Amino acid sequence: MRYESISDVYSANAKFREGFLAVLGDITPAEAAAVPEGEKWSIQQIVEHVGIVNSGMSRICAKLLAASVADGKASDGSFSLSERFEKGISMMGERKAEAPERVLPTGEVPIQTTLDGFPAIDAEYAALKPDIERFDLTEHTFPHPFFGPLNAGEWLVMQGLHEGRHTQQIAKLLEKIRQ
């Protein structure tokens, strides 16, 4: 996926969210709790994980953005991903990734409870947008477990990609469950 501006990232993330919510649209409580053979997590656990990760990524973006704002270096308005990040995305494919312990779901949070928290997280991301567009983000990074150091813009991209990845995972789980 190509992004030419921060607005492109926000638009893409909105589309990833639409797909995520759509796949959850008609899931029954039994389907949400089922863990098909060969799988580690239920749909409910995946949704909880996405909520935990989204919240964490929002805090990371805010912290990195604050450092960029303190530097005061203006952005020229363009946006691009680092070659390292793009290479990581291309290598990710269907590779199963192990979630770090800090973002593991408990399995006790209902899907709707997690989804009820999304508007507050989305508001945090929305509040960051003016400064993310205005300041140069390239100098400050925070390590991702798979991709290595990412800047605030790349973390923002990760938010959408992460939801998209789990949307596909949920769809595959639903196929198994409904067979």
Protein backbone atom coordinates (compact mmCIF):
# COMPACT_ATOMS: atom_id res chain seq x y z
CA MET A 1 0.00 0.00 0.00
CA ARG A 2 1.30 3.45 -0.88
CA TYR A 3 0.77 6.48 1.28
CA GLU A 4 1.59 9.96 0.02
CA SER A 5 0.25 11.87 2.99
CA ILE A 6 -0.85 11.40 6.57
CA SER A 7 -4.43 11.89 5.35
CA ASP A 8 -3.90 8.81 3.15
CA VAL A 9 -2.89 6.83 6.25
CA TYR A 10 -5.95 7.96 8.20
CA SER A 11 -8.23 7.13 5.23
CA ALA A 12 -6.68 3.68 4.84
CA ASN A 13 -7.03 3.03 8.57
CA ALA A 14 -10.72 3.99 8.39
CA LYS A 15 -11.19 1.39 5.64
CA PHE A 16 -9.36 -1.24 7.67
CA ARG A 17 -11.71 -0.44 10.58
CA GLU A 18 -14.79 -0.77 8.36
CA GLY A 19 -13.62 -4.24 7.31
CA PHE A 20 -12.85 -5.21 10.90
CA LEU A 21 -16.31 -4.18 12.11
CA ALA A 22 -18.00 -5.80 9.11
CA VAL A 23 -16.43 -9.21 9.79
CA LEU A 24 -17.68 -8.99 13.37
CA GLY A 25 -21.19 -8.01 12.30
CA ASP A 26 -23.11 -11.23 12.80
CA ILE A 27 -20.94 -13.29 15.11
CA THR A 28 -22.83 -15.17 17.79
CA PRO A 29 -21.54 -15.41 21.37
CA ALA A 30 -20.74 -19.10 20.79
CA GLU A 31 -18.75 -18.28 17.66
CA ALA A 32 -16.93 -15.47 19.50
CA ALA A 33 -15.80 -17.87 22.24
CA ALA A 34 -14.92 -20.86 20.02
CA VAL A 35 -11.29 -21.84 19.53
CA PRO A 36 -11.13 -24.08 16.46
CA GLU A 37 -8.72 -26.99 16.42
CA GLY A 38 -5.21 -25.85 15.61
CA GLU A 39 -5.86 -22.28 16.69
CA LYS A 40 -4.68 -20.49 19.84
CA TRP A 41 -7.22 -17.70 20.20
CA SER A 42 -10.94 -17.20 19.91
CA ILE A 43 -12.43 -14.30 17.95
CA GLN A 44 -13.19 -12.63 21.28
CA GLN A 45 -9.51 -12.87 22.23
CA ILE A 46 -8.40 -11.48 18.86
CA VAL A 47 -10.70 -8.48 19.26
CA GLU A 48 -9.43 -7.90 22.80
CA HIS A 49 -5.84 -8.09 21.51
CA VAL A 50 -6.61 -5.53 18.78
CA GLY A 51 -8.05 -3.19 21.41
CA ILE A 52 -4.97 -3.54 23.61
CA VAL A 53 -2.62 -2.97 20.68
CA ASN A 54 -4.57 0.01 19.32
CA SER A 55 -4.40 1.70 22.70
CA GLY A 56 -0.68 1.02 23.02
CA MET A 57 0.07 2.26 19.51
CA SER A 58 -1.85 5.45 20.23
CA ARG A 59 0.34 6.12 23.27
CA ILE A 60 3.51 5.36 21.28
CA CYS A 61 2.44 7.72 18.48
CA ALA A 62 1.68 10.46 21.04
CA LYS A 63 5.06 10.05 22.73
CA LEU A 64 7.00 10.09 19.47
CA LEU A 65 4.98 13.02 18.18
CA ALA A 66 5.67 15.00 21.36
CA ALA A 67 9.40 14.56 20.76
CA SER A 68 8.99 15.70 17.13
CA VAL A 69 6.97 18.74 18.24
CA ALA A 70 9.67 19.60 20.79
CA ASP A 71 12.24 19.50 17.98
CA GLY A 72 10.10 21.97 16.03
CA LYS A 73 11.20 20.68 12.62
CA ALA A 74 8.33 21.21 10.18
CA SER A 75 7.19 18.57 7.73
CA ASP A 76 6.99 19.36 4.03
CA GLY A 77 3.57 17.65 4.01
CA SER A 78 4.69 14.49 2.27
CA PHE A 79 4.80 11.07 3.84
CA SER A 80 6.67 7.92 2.96
CA LEU A 81 7.58 4.70 4.68
CA SER A 82 11.18 3.75 5.31
CA GLU A 83 12.64 1.06 3.06
CA ARG A 84 13.19 -1.11 6.15
CA PHE A 85 9.50 -0.88 7.07
CA GLU A 86 8.32 -1.58 3.53
CA LYS A 87 10.62 -4.62 3.36
CA GLY A 88 9.24 -5.84 6.69
CA ILE A 89 5.68 -5.52 5.41
CA SER A 90 6.50 -7.50 2.27
CA MET A 91 8.17 -10.23 4.33
CA MET A 92 5.29 -10.49 6.80
CA GLY A 93 2.84 -12.16 4.40
CA GLU A 94 0.97 -14.94 6.08
CA ARG A 95 3.70 -15.45 8.68
CA LYS A 96 2.31 -16.14 12.12
CA ALA A 97 3.63 -13.71 14.66
CA GLU A 98 3.75 -14.32 18.38
CA ALA A 99 2.23 -11.46 20.33
CA PRO A 100 4.41 -10.11 23.14
CA GLU A 101 3.10 -10.86 26.62
CA ARG A 102 2.07 -7.24 27.24
CA VAL A 103 -0.56 -7.45 24.47
CA LEU A 104 -1.92 -10.95 25.16
CA PRO A 105 -5.67 -11.10 25.68
CA THR A 106 -7.18 -12.37 28.91
CA GLY A 107 -10.11 -13.93 27.08
CA GLU A 108 -12.47 -12.38 29.61
CA VAL A 109 -13.39 -9.18 27.76
CA PRO A 110 -16.54 -9.41 25.62
CA ILE A 111 -16.23 -8.19 22.03
CA GLN A 112 -18.68 -5.33 22.59
CA THR A 113 -16.74 -4.09 25.62
CA THR A 114 -13.59 -3.88 23.51
CA LEU A 115 -15.45 -2.21 20.64
CA ASP A 116 -16.97 0.30 23.08
CA GLY A 117 -13.41 1.48 23.81
CA PHE A 118 -12.57 2.12 20.14
CA PRO A 119 -14.13 5.62 19.90
CA ALA A 120 -11.90 6.94 22.69
CA ILE A 121 -8.79 5.47 21.04
CA ASP A 122 -9.90 6.84 17.66
CA ALA A 123 -10.34 10.28 19.25
CA GLU A 124 -6.75 10.06 20.53
CA TYR A 125 -5.52 9.32 17.00
CA ALA A 126 -7.68 12.12 15.58
CA ALA A 127 -6.25 14.61 18.08
CA LEU A 128 -2.73 13.74 16.90
CA LYS A 129 -3.45 14.30 13.20
CA PRO A 130 -2.81 18.06 12.93
CA ASP A 131 0.64 17.80 14.50
CA ILE A 132 1.47 14.54 12.73
CA GLU A 133 0.84 16.39 9.47
CA ARG A 134 2.75 19.50 10.58
CA PHE A 135 5.97 18.08 12.08
CA ASP A 136 8.78 15.94 10.72
CA LEU A 137 8.42 12.47 12.25
CA THR A 138 11.60 10.88 10.96
CA GLU A 139 13.96 11.52 13.88
CA HIS A 140 12.22 9.68 16.72
CA THR A 141 11.46 5.95 16.77
CA PHE A 142 10.22 3.22 19.06
CA PRO A 143 10.99 -0.48 18.44
CA HIS A 144 8.34 -2.82 17.08
CA PRO A 145 8.89 -6.51 17.94
CA PHE A 146 9.01 -7.57 14.27
CA PHE A 147 9.72 -4.41 12.25
CA GLY A 148 12.32 -2.79 14.49
CA PRO A 149 12.39 0.98 15.05
CA LEU A 150 9.34 2.81 13.68
CA ASN A 151 8.52 6.49 13.70
CA ALA A 152 5.10 7.89 14.64
CA GLY A 153 3.83 7.78 11.06
CA GLU A 154 4.88 4.17 10.65
CA TRP A 155 3.21 3.25 13.94
CA LEU A 156 0.07 4.91 12.59
CA VAL A 157 0.31 2.75 9.46
CA MET A 158 0.83 -0.31 11.68
CA GLN A 159 -2.47 0.38 13.42
CA GLY A 160 -4.40 -0.14 10.19
CA LEU A 161 -2.27 -3.02 8.94
CA HIS A 162 -2.67 -4.78 12.28
CA GLU A 163 -6.46 -4.48 12.15
CA GLY A 164 -6.44 -5.67 8.54
CA ARG A 165 -4.34 -8.70 9.41
CA HIS A 166 -6.67 -9.66 12.24
CA THR A 167 -9.74 -9.05 10.07
CA GLN A 168 -8.44 -11.76 7.73
CA GLN A 169 -7.66 -14.01 10.69
CA ILE A 170 -11.19 -13.61 12.08
CA ALA A 171 -12.72 -14.36 8.67
CA LYS A 172 -10.69 -17.58 8.44
CA LEU A 173 -11.68 -18.58 11.97
CA LEU A 174 -15.33 -17.98 11.13
CA GLU A 175 -15.01 -20.28 8.12
CA LYS A 176 -13.62 -23.03 10.36
CA ILE A 177 -16.25 -22.48 13.03
CA ARG A 178 -19.16 -22.44 10.58
CA GLN A 179 -18.17 -25.60 8.70
